[in-house]
């Protein structure tokens, strides 16, 4: 039972679980002492683990979240293995008035996801080959989204979705309940300095909207 708990805890990689099992199985103490020791170890380790972001975080305005998201941890679970990536680069798209946003033409079958309450994913295809990973934010009925442009080891929105295995099946997935993708607060760590730049790839938007500094980058990320 204890070993199953170790295997099932999202706070541990499989290699860590194996080390724990080996250490306690080789211990000469009684089964009771080994069990108590393992429980205490797990409690201490889990108290230091990251916190999964909840709906309260995603309900805030997209520009507020854009300053807070770099430095947090995107987690992808595949076949029981957890892969963690620091978020380093995001772009904000805010409301129907934003001429760079997909929502500038109002609610459509493609953009209706953006009108949901924050905390779900908006995933779409560009150039017929690259999936884009966005996080819907803000209150229901006000279309906002953050495009994830870069992670700690992967730069470029198309490259990162390919590396993470993101496709259309992730569209509208709830980040607070998903078993395959979520975002964590990195407890006890400062995210570092955030710098802003104009968004890229939006030549179709008016000059005012092209120049808004709504790209948020973790310096030295």
C-alpha atoms as a PDB file:
ATOM      1  CA  UNK A   1       0.000   0.000   0.000  1.00  0.00           C
ATOM      2  CA  UNK A   2       2.796   2.403   0.948  1.00  0.00           C
ATOM      3  CA  UNK A   3       4.676   1.589  -2.231  1.00  0.00           C
ATOM      4  CA  UNK A   4       1.554   2.262  -4.275  1.00  0.00           C
ATOM      5  CA  UNK A   5       1.261   5.650  -2.595  1.00  0.00           C
ATOM      6  CA  UNK A   6       4.850   6.500  -3.508  1.00  0.00           C
ATOM      7  CA  UNK A   7       4.245   5.466  -7.113  1.00  0.00           C
ATOM      8  CA  UNK A   8       1.032   7.442  -7.357  1.00  0.00           C
ATOM      9  CA  UNK A   9       2.207  10.709  -5.801  1.00  0.00           C
ATOM     10  CA  UNK A  10       2.690  13.499  -8.357  1.00  0.00           C
ATOM     11  CA  UNK A  11       5.374  14.944  -6.083  1.00  0.00           C
ATOM     12  CA  UNK A  12       7.809  12.190  -7.016  1.00  0.00           C
ATOM     13  CA  UNK A  13       9.445  11.091 -10.246  1.00  0.00           C
ATOM     14  CA  UNK A  14       9.549   7.329 -10.833  1.00  0.00           C
ATOM     15  CA  UNK A  15      13.293   7.250 -10.168  1.00  0.00           C
ATOM     16  CA  UNK A  16      12.788   8.911  -6.782  1.00  0.00           C
ATOM     17  CA  UNK A  17      10.061   6.434  -5.886  1.00  0.00           C
ATOM     18  CA  UNK A  18      12.348   3.524  -6.760  1.00  0.00           C
ATOM     19  CA  UNK A  19      15.115   4.897  -4.553  1.00  0.00           C
ATOM     20  CA  UNK A  20      12.709   5.281  -1.648  1.00  0.00           C
ATOM     21  CA  UNK A  21      11.395   1.749  -2.060  1.00  0.00           C
ATOM     22  CA  UNK A  22      14.881   0.318  -2.191  1.00  0.00           C
ATOM     23  CA  UNK A  23      16.067   2.274   0.844  1.00  0.00           C
ATOM     24  CA  UNK A  24      13.178   1.224   3.043  1.00  0.00           C
ATOM     25  CA  UNK A  25      13.035  -2.388   1.851  1.00  0.00           C
ATOM     26  CA  UNK A  26      16.707  -2.833   2.747  1.00  0.00           C
ATOM     27  CA  UNK A  27      16.241  -1.274   6.170  1.00  0.00           C
ATOM     28  CA  UNK A  28      16.711  -3.719   9.069  1.00  0.00           C
ATOM     29  CA  UNK A  29      14.019  -2.006  11.166  1.00  0.00           C
ATOM     30  CA  UNK A  30      10.614  -3.544  11.773  1.00  0.00           C
ATOM     31  CA  UNK A  31       7.887  -3.104   9.117  1.00  0.00           C
ATOM     32  CA  UNK A  32       6.113  -0.679  11.445  1.00  0.00           C
ATOM     33  CA  UNK A  33       9.199   1.534  11.826  1.00  0.00           C
ATOM     34  CA  UNK A  34       9.835   1.448   8.081  1.00  0.00           C
ATOM     35  CA  UNK A  35       6.243   2.457   7.385  1.00  0.00           C
ATOM     36  CA  UNK A  36       6.284   5.355   9.845  1.00  0.00           C
ATOM     37  CA  UNK A  37       9.639   6.557   8.503  1.00  0.00           C
ATOM     38  CA  UNK A  38       8.407   6.522   4.935  1.00  0.00           C
ATOM     39  CA  UNK A  39       5.221   8.403   5.844  1.00  0.00           C
ATOM     40  CA  UNK A  40       7.213  11.116   7.650  1.00  0.00           C
ATOM     41  CA  UNK A  41       9.600  11.396   4.705  1.00  0.00           C
ATOM     42  CA  UNK A  42       6.710  11.775   2.268  1.00  0.00           C
ATOM     43  CA  UNK A  43       4.971  14.400   4.378  1.00  0.00           C
ATOM     44  CA  UNK A  44       8.157  16.465   4.621  1.00  0.00           C
ATOM     45  CA  UNK A  45       8.855  16.168   0.883  1.00  0.00           C
ATOM     46  CA  UNK A  46       5.293  16.986  -0.164  1.00  0.00           C
ATOM     47  CA  UNK A  47       5.284  20.099   2.031  1.00  0.00           C
ATOM     48  CA  UNK A  48       8.071  21.427  -0.205  1.00  0.00           C
ATOM     49  CA  UNK A  49       6.347  20.482  -3.456  1.00  0.00           C
ATOM     50  CA  UNK A  50       4.914  22.985  -5.905  1.00  0.00           C
ATOM     51  CA  UNK A  51       1.306  24.161  -5.739  1.00  0.00           C
ATOM     52  CA  UNK A  52      -1.028  23.661  -8.709  1.00  0.00           C
ATOM     53  CA  UNK A  53      -2.612  26.967  -9.738  1.00  0.00           C
ATOM     54  CA  UNK A  54      -6.375  27.107  -9.182  1.00  0.00           C
ATOM     55  CA  UNK A  55      -9.238  28.960 -10.865  1.00  0.00           C
ATOM     56  CA  UNK A  56      -8.738  32.073  -8.727  1.00  0.00           C
ATOM     57  CA  UNK A  57      -5.403  32.683 -10.435  1.00  0.00           C
ATOM     58  CA  UNK A  58      -6.809  32.391 -13.960  1.00  0.00           C
ATOM     59  CA  UNK A  59      -9.855  34.625 -13.330  1.00  0.00           C
ATOM     60  CA  UNK A  60      -7.688  37.724 -13.108  1.00  0.00           C
ATOM     61  CA  UNK A  61      -7.106  40.131 -15.995  1.00  0.00           C
ATOM     62  CA  UNK A  62      -4.794  38.796 -18.679  1.00  0.00           C
ATOM     63  CA  UNK A  63      -2.260  41.622 -18.234  1.00  0.00           C
ATOM     64  CA  UNK A  64      -1.964  40.882 -14.527  1.00  0.00           C
ATOM     65  CA  UNK A  65      -1.485  37.183 -15.149  1.00  0.00           C
ATOM     66  CA  UNK A  66       1.007  37.878 -17.944  1.00  0.00           C
ATOM     67  CA  UNK A  67       3.354  39.475 -15.407  1.00  0.00           C
ATOM     68  CA  UNK A  68       2.943  36.590 -12.976  1.00  0.00           C
ATOM     69  CA  UNK A  69       3.126  33.564 -15.285  1.00  0.00           C
ATOM     70  CA  UNK A  70       6.801  33.706 -16.352  1.00  0.00           C
ATOM     71  CA  UNK A  71       8.786  31.720 -13.821  1.00  0.00           C
ATOM     72  CA  UNK A  72       5.967  29.324 -13.075  1.00  0.00           C
ATOM     73  CA  UNK A  73       6.152  25.664 -14.035  1.00  0.00           C
ATOM     74  CA  UNK A  74       4.261  24.011 -16.890  1.00  0.00           C
ATOM     75  CA  UNK A  75       3.847  20.290 -16.174  1.00  0.00           C
ATOM     76  CA  UNK A  76       3.112  17.659 -18.805  1.00  0.00           C
ATOM     77  CA  UNK A  77       2.362  14.064 -17.806  1.00  0.00           C
ATOM     78  CA  UNK A  78       2.882  11.335 -20.401  1.00  0.00           C
ATOM     79  CA  UNK A  79       2.621   7.622 -19.574  1.00  0.00           C
ATOM     80  CA  UNK A  80       3.012   8.322 -15.877  1.00  0.00           C
ATOM     81  CA  UNK A  81       6.163  10.404 -16.321  1.00  0.00           C
ATOM     82  CA  UNK A  82       6.177  14.096 -15.350  1.00  0.00           C
ATOM     83  CA  UNK A  83       8.069  16.663 -17.392  1.00  0.00           C
ATOM     84  CA  UNK A  84       8.418  20.154 -15.917  1.00  0.00           C
ATOM     85  CA  UNK A  85       9.302  23.308 -17.846  1.00  0.00           C
ATOM     86  CA  UNK A  86       9.763  26.866 -16.602  1.00  0.00           C
ATOM     87  CA  UNK A  87       7.582  29.346 -18.486  1.00  0.00           C
ATOM     88  CA  UNK A  88       9.786  32.116 -19.903  1.00  0.00           C
ATOM     89  CA  UNK A  89       7.855  33.978 -22.609  1.00  0.00           C
ATOM     90  CA  UNK A  90       4.137  34.831 -23.004  1.00  0.00           C
ATOM     91  CA  UNK A  91       1.983  37.209 -25.065  1.00  0.00           C
ATOM     92  CA  UNK A  92      -1.301  38.740 -23.918  1.00  0.00           C
ATOM     93  CA  UNK A  93      -4.411  39.166 -26.078  1.00  0.00           C
ATOM     94  CA  UNK A  94      -7.162  41.183 -24.440  1.00  0.00           C
ATOM     95  CA  UNK A  95     -10.767  41.548 -25.554  1.00  0.00           C
ATOM     96  CA  UNK A  96     -12.606  42.148 -28.818  1.00  0.00           C
ATOM     97  CA  UNK A  97     -11.099  45.648 -28.982  1.00  0.00           C
ATOM     98  CA  UNK A  98      -7.600  44.168 -29.333  1.00  0.00           C
ATOM     99  CA  UNK A  99      -6.992  44.187 -33.087  1.00  0.00           C
ATOM    100  CA  UNK A 100      -4.299  41.536 -32.702  1.00  0.00           C
ATOM    101  CA  UNK A 101      -6.663  39.093 -30.997  1.00  0.00           C
ATOM    102  CA  UNK A 102      -8.650  36.345 -32.683  1.00  0.00           C
ATOM    103  CA  UNK A 103     -11.630  37.749 -30.783  1.00  0.00           C
ATOM    104  CA  UNK A 104     -11.533  41.009 -32.770  1.00  0.00           C
ATOM    105  CA  UNK A 105     -14.264  39.578 -35.027  1.00  0.00           C
ATOM    106  CA  UNK A 106     -16.378  38.458 -32.098  1.00  0.00           C
ATOM    107  CA  UNK A 107     -17.475  35.004 -31.032  1.00  0.00           C
ATOM    108  CA  UNK A 108     -16.983  32.307 -33.677  1.00  0.00           C
ATOM    109  CA  UNK A 109     -16.789  28.498 -33.551  1.00  0.00           C
ATOM    110  CA  UNK A 110     -13.001  28.890 -33.333  1.00  0.00           C
ATOM    111  CA  UNK A 111     -12.878  31.613 -30.672  1.00  0.00           C
ATOM    112  CA  UNK A 112     -15.790  30.625 -28.449  1.00  0.00           C
ATOM    113  CA  UNK A 113     -13.316  28.971 -26.065  1.00  0.00           C
ATOM    114  CA  UNK A 114     -11.852  32.422 -25.353  1.00  0.00           C
ATOM    115  CA  UNK A 115     -15.196  33.544 -23.919  1.00  0.00           C
ATOM    116  CA  UNK A 116     -15.117  30.932 -21.162  1.00  0.00           C
ATOM    117  CA  UNK A 117     -14.015  31.669 -17.638  1.00  0.00           C
ATOM    118  CA  UNK A 118     -10.248  31.597 -17.244  1.00  0.00           C
ATOM    119  CA  UNK A 119      -8.386  28.364 -16.595  1.00  0.00           C
ATOM    120  CA  UNK A 120      -8.868  26.394 -19.807  1.00  0.00           C
ATOM    121  CA  UNK A 121      -6.682  25.986 -22.876  1.00  0.00           C
ATOM    122  CA  UNK A 122      -7.191  27.537 -26.295  1.00  0.00           C
ATOM    123  CA  UNK A 123      -5.333  25.464 -28.909  1.00  0.00           C
ATOM    124  CA  UNK A 124      -5.396  26.223 -32.629  1.00  0.00           C
ATOM    125  CA  UNK A 125      -3.424  25.402 -35.770  1.00  0.00           C
ATOM    126  CA  UNK A 126      -1.418  27.920 -37.834  1.00  0.00           C
ATOM    127  CA  UNK A 127       0.012  27.445 -41.322  1.00  0.00           C
ATOM    128  CA  UNK A 128      -1.577  24.010 -41.318  1.00  0.00           C
ATOM    129  CA  UNK A 129       1.301  22.593 -39.261  1.00  0.00           C
ATOM    130  CA  UNK A 130       1.938  24.311 -35.901  1.00  0.00           C
ATOM    131  CA  UNK A 131      -0.297  24.079 -32.845  1.00  0.00           C
ATOM    132  CA  UNK A 132      -0.403  27.161 -30.617  1.00  0.00           C
ATOM    133  CA  UNK A 133      -0.877  26.767 -26.854  1.00  0.00           C
ATOM    134  CA  UNK A 134      -2.880  29.529 -25.149  1.00  0.00           C
ATOM    135  CA  UNK A 135      -4.346  29.935 -21.667  1.00  0.00           C
ATOM    136  CA  UNK A 136      -7.775  31.548 -21.376  1.00  0.00           C
ATOM    137  CA  UNK A 137      -7.952  34.125 -18.574  1.00  0.00           C
ATOM    138  CA  UNK A 138     -10.363  36.554 -16.968  1.00  0.00           C
ATOM    139  CA  UNK A 139     -14.116  36.413 -16.336  1.00  0.00           C
ATOM    140  CA  UNK A 140     -16.600  34.590 -18.536  1.00  0.00           C
ATOM    141  CA  UNK A 141     -17.746  36.590 -21.548  1.00  0.00           C
ATOM    142  CA  UNK A 142     -14.581  38.718 -21.857  1.00  0.00           C
ATOM    143  CA  UNK A 143     -12.225  37.018 -24.354  1.00  0.00           C
ATOM    144  CA  UNK A 144      -8.647  37.003 -23.123  1.00  0.00           C
ATOM    145  CA  UNK A 145      -5.785  34.607 -23.683  1.00  0.00           C
ATOM    146  CA  UNK A 146      -2.053  34.202 -23.133  1.00  0.00           C
ATOM    147  CA  UNK A 147       0.047  32.609 -25.855  1.00  0.00           C
ATOM    148  CA  UNK A 148       2.925  30.516 -24.463  1.00  0.00           C
ATOM    149  CA  UNK A 149       5.906  31.459 -26.638  1.00  0.00           C
ATOM    150  CA  UNK A 150       8.793  29.966 -24.708  1.00  0.00           C
ATOM    151  CA  UNK A 151       9.796  27.479 -22.027  1.00  0.00           C
ATOM    152  CA  UNK A 152      13.066  27.025 -20.179  1.00  0.00           C
ATOM    153  CA  UNK A 153      14.439  24.520 -22.690  1.00  0.00           C
ATOM    154  CA  UNK A 154      12.269  25.211 -25.741  1.00  0.00           C
ATOM    155  CA  UNK A 155      11.882  28.497 -27.600  1.00  0.00           C
ATOM    156  CA  UNK A 156       9.111  29.120 -30.098  1.00  0.00           C
ATOM    157  CA  UNK A 157       5.382  28.349 -29.744  1.00  0.00           C
ATOM    158  CA  UNK A 158       5.346  25.762 -32.527  1.00  0.00           C
ATOM    159  CA  UNK A 159       8.434  23.965 -31.252  1.00  0.00           C
ATOM    160  CA  UNK A 160       7.144  23.699 -27.702  1.00  0.00           C
ATOM    161  CA  UNK A 161       3.772  22.197 -28.673  1.00  0.00           C
ATOM    162  CA  UNK A 162       5.565  19.633 -30.832  1.00  0.00           C
ATOM    163  CA  UNK A 163       7.917  18.746 -27.988  1.00  0.00           C
ATOM    164  CA  UNK A 164       5.037  18.461 -25.501  1.00  0.00           C
ATOM    165  CA  UNK A 165       2.722  16.545 -27.823  1.00  0.00           C
ATOM    166  CA  UNK A 166       0.040  19.252 -27.810  1.00  0.00           C
ATOM    167  CA  UNK A 167      -2.715  18.960 -30.420  1.00  0.00           C
ATOM    168  CA  UNK A 168      -6.381  19.797 -30.950  1.00  0.00           C
ATOM    169  CA  UNK A 169      -7.454  17.325 -28.260  1.00  0.00           C
ATOM    170  CA  UNK A 170      -6.156  19.799 -25.634  1.00  0.00           C
ATOM    171  CA  UNK A 171      -8.499  22.580 -26.768  1.00  0.00           C
ATOM    172  CA  UNK A 172     -10.798  23.675 -23.886  1.00  0.00           C
ATOM    173  CA  UNK A 173      -8.971  21.410 -21.397  1.00  0.00           C
ATOM    174  CA  UNK A 174      -9.281  22.616 -17.794  1.00  0.00           C
ATOM    175  CA  UNK A 175      -5.825  23.256 -16.335  1.00  0.00           C
ATOM    176  CA  UNK A 176      -7.101  22.879 -12.776  1.00  0.00           C
ATOM    177  CA  UNK A 177      -8.447  19.343 -13.280  1.00  0.00           C
ATOM    178  CA  UNK A 178      -6.416  17.890 -16.148  1.00  0.00           C
ATOM    179  CA  UNK A 179      -4.363  14.757 -15.485  1.00  0.00           C
ATOM    180  CA  UNK A 180      -2.000  15.449 -18.388  1.00  0.00           C
ATOM    181  CA  UNK A 181      -1.185  19.184 -18.239  1.00  0.00           C
ATOM    182  CA  UNK A 182      -1.248  21.856 -15.526  1.00  0.00           C
ATOM    183  CA  UNK A 183       0.738  24.810 -14.165  1.00  0.00           C
ATOM    184  CA  UNK A 184       2.419  25.010 -10.778  1.00  0.00           C
ATOM    185  CA  UNK A 185       3.628  27.796  -8.526  1.00  0.00           C
ATOM    186  CA  UNK A 186       7.293  27.190  -7.799  1.00  0.00           C
ATOM    187  CA  UNK A 187       7.248  27.482  -4.023  1.00  0.00           C
ATOM    188  CA  UNK A 188      10.116  29.278  -2.351  1.00  0.00           C
ATOM    189  CA  UNK A 189      11.637  30.644  -5.565  1.00  0.00           C
ATOM    190  CA  UNK A 190      11.617  34.188  -6.954  1.00  0.00           C
ATOM    191  CA  UNK A 191      10.710  34.267 -10.669  1.00  0.00           C
ATOM    192  CA  UNK A 192      13.267  36.957 -11.494  1.00  0.00           C
ATOM    193  CA  UNK A 193      12.950  40.119 -13.573  1.00  0.00           C
ATOM    194  CA  UNK A 194      10.204  40.378 -16.204  1.00  0.00           C
ATOM    195  CA  UNK A 195      10.825  42.554 -19.268  1.00  0.00           C
ATOM    196  CA  UNK A 196       8.210  43.629 -21.826  1.00  0.00           C
ATOM    197  CA  UNK A 197       8.314  43.903 -25.607  1.00  0.00           C
ATOM    198  CA  UNK A 198       5.783  44.439 -28.407  1.00  0.00           C
ATOM    199  CA  UNK A 199       4.068  41.296 -29.620  1.00  0.00           C
ATOM    200  CA  UNK A 200       5.315  39.649 -32.811  1.00  0.00           C
ATOM    201  CA  UNK A 201       3.627  38.324 -35.939  1.00  0.00           C
ATOM    202  CA  UNK A 202       0.695  40.756 -35.806  1.00  0.00           C
ATOM    203  CA  UNK A 203       1.322  42.989 -38.827  1.00  0.00           C
ATOM    204  CA  UNK A 204      -2.415  42.894 -39.591  1.00  0.00           C
ATOM    205  CA  UNK A 205      -3.210  44.900 -36.429  1.00  0.00           C
ATOM    206  CA  UNK A 206      -3.262  48.705 -36.230  1.00  0.00           C
ATOM    207  CA  UNK A 207      -0.117  50.570 -35.171  1.00  0.00           C
ATOM    208  CA  UNK A 208      -1.463  51.219 -31.664  1.00  0.00           C
ATOM    209  CA  UNK A 209      -1.993  47.516 -31.090  1.00  0.00           C
ATOM    210  CA  UNK A 210       1.245  46.407 -32.736  1.00  0.00           C
ATOM    211  CA  UNK A 211       3.221  48.631 -30.374  1.00  0.00           C
ATOM    212  CA  UNK A 212       1.574  47.622 -27.104  1.00  0.00           C
ATOM    213  CA  UNK A 213       4.233  46.023 -24.860  1.00  0.00           C
ATOM    214  CA  UNK A 214       2.160  42.938 -24.190  1.00  0.00           C
ATOM    215  CA  UNK A 215       4.885  40.362 -24.562  1.00  0.00           C
ATOM    216  CA  UNK A 216       6.305  39.385 -21.164  1.00  0.00           C
ATOM    217  CA  UNK A 217       9.704  37.682 -21.000  1.00  0.00           C
ATOM    218  CA  UNK A 218      11.619  36.275 -18.052  1.00  0.00           C
ATOM    219  CA  UNK A 219      15.042  37.895 -18.216  1.00  0.00           C
ATOM    220  CA  UNK A 220      17.797  35.291 -18.412  1.00  0.00           C
ATOM    221  CA  UNK A 221      15.067  32.661 -18.581  1.00  0.00           C
END
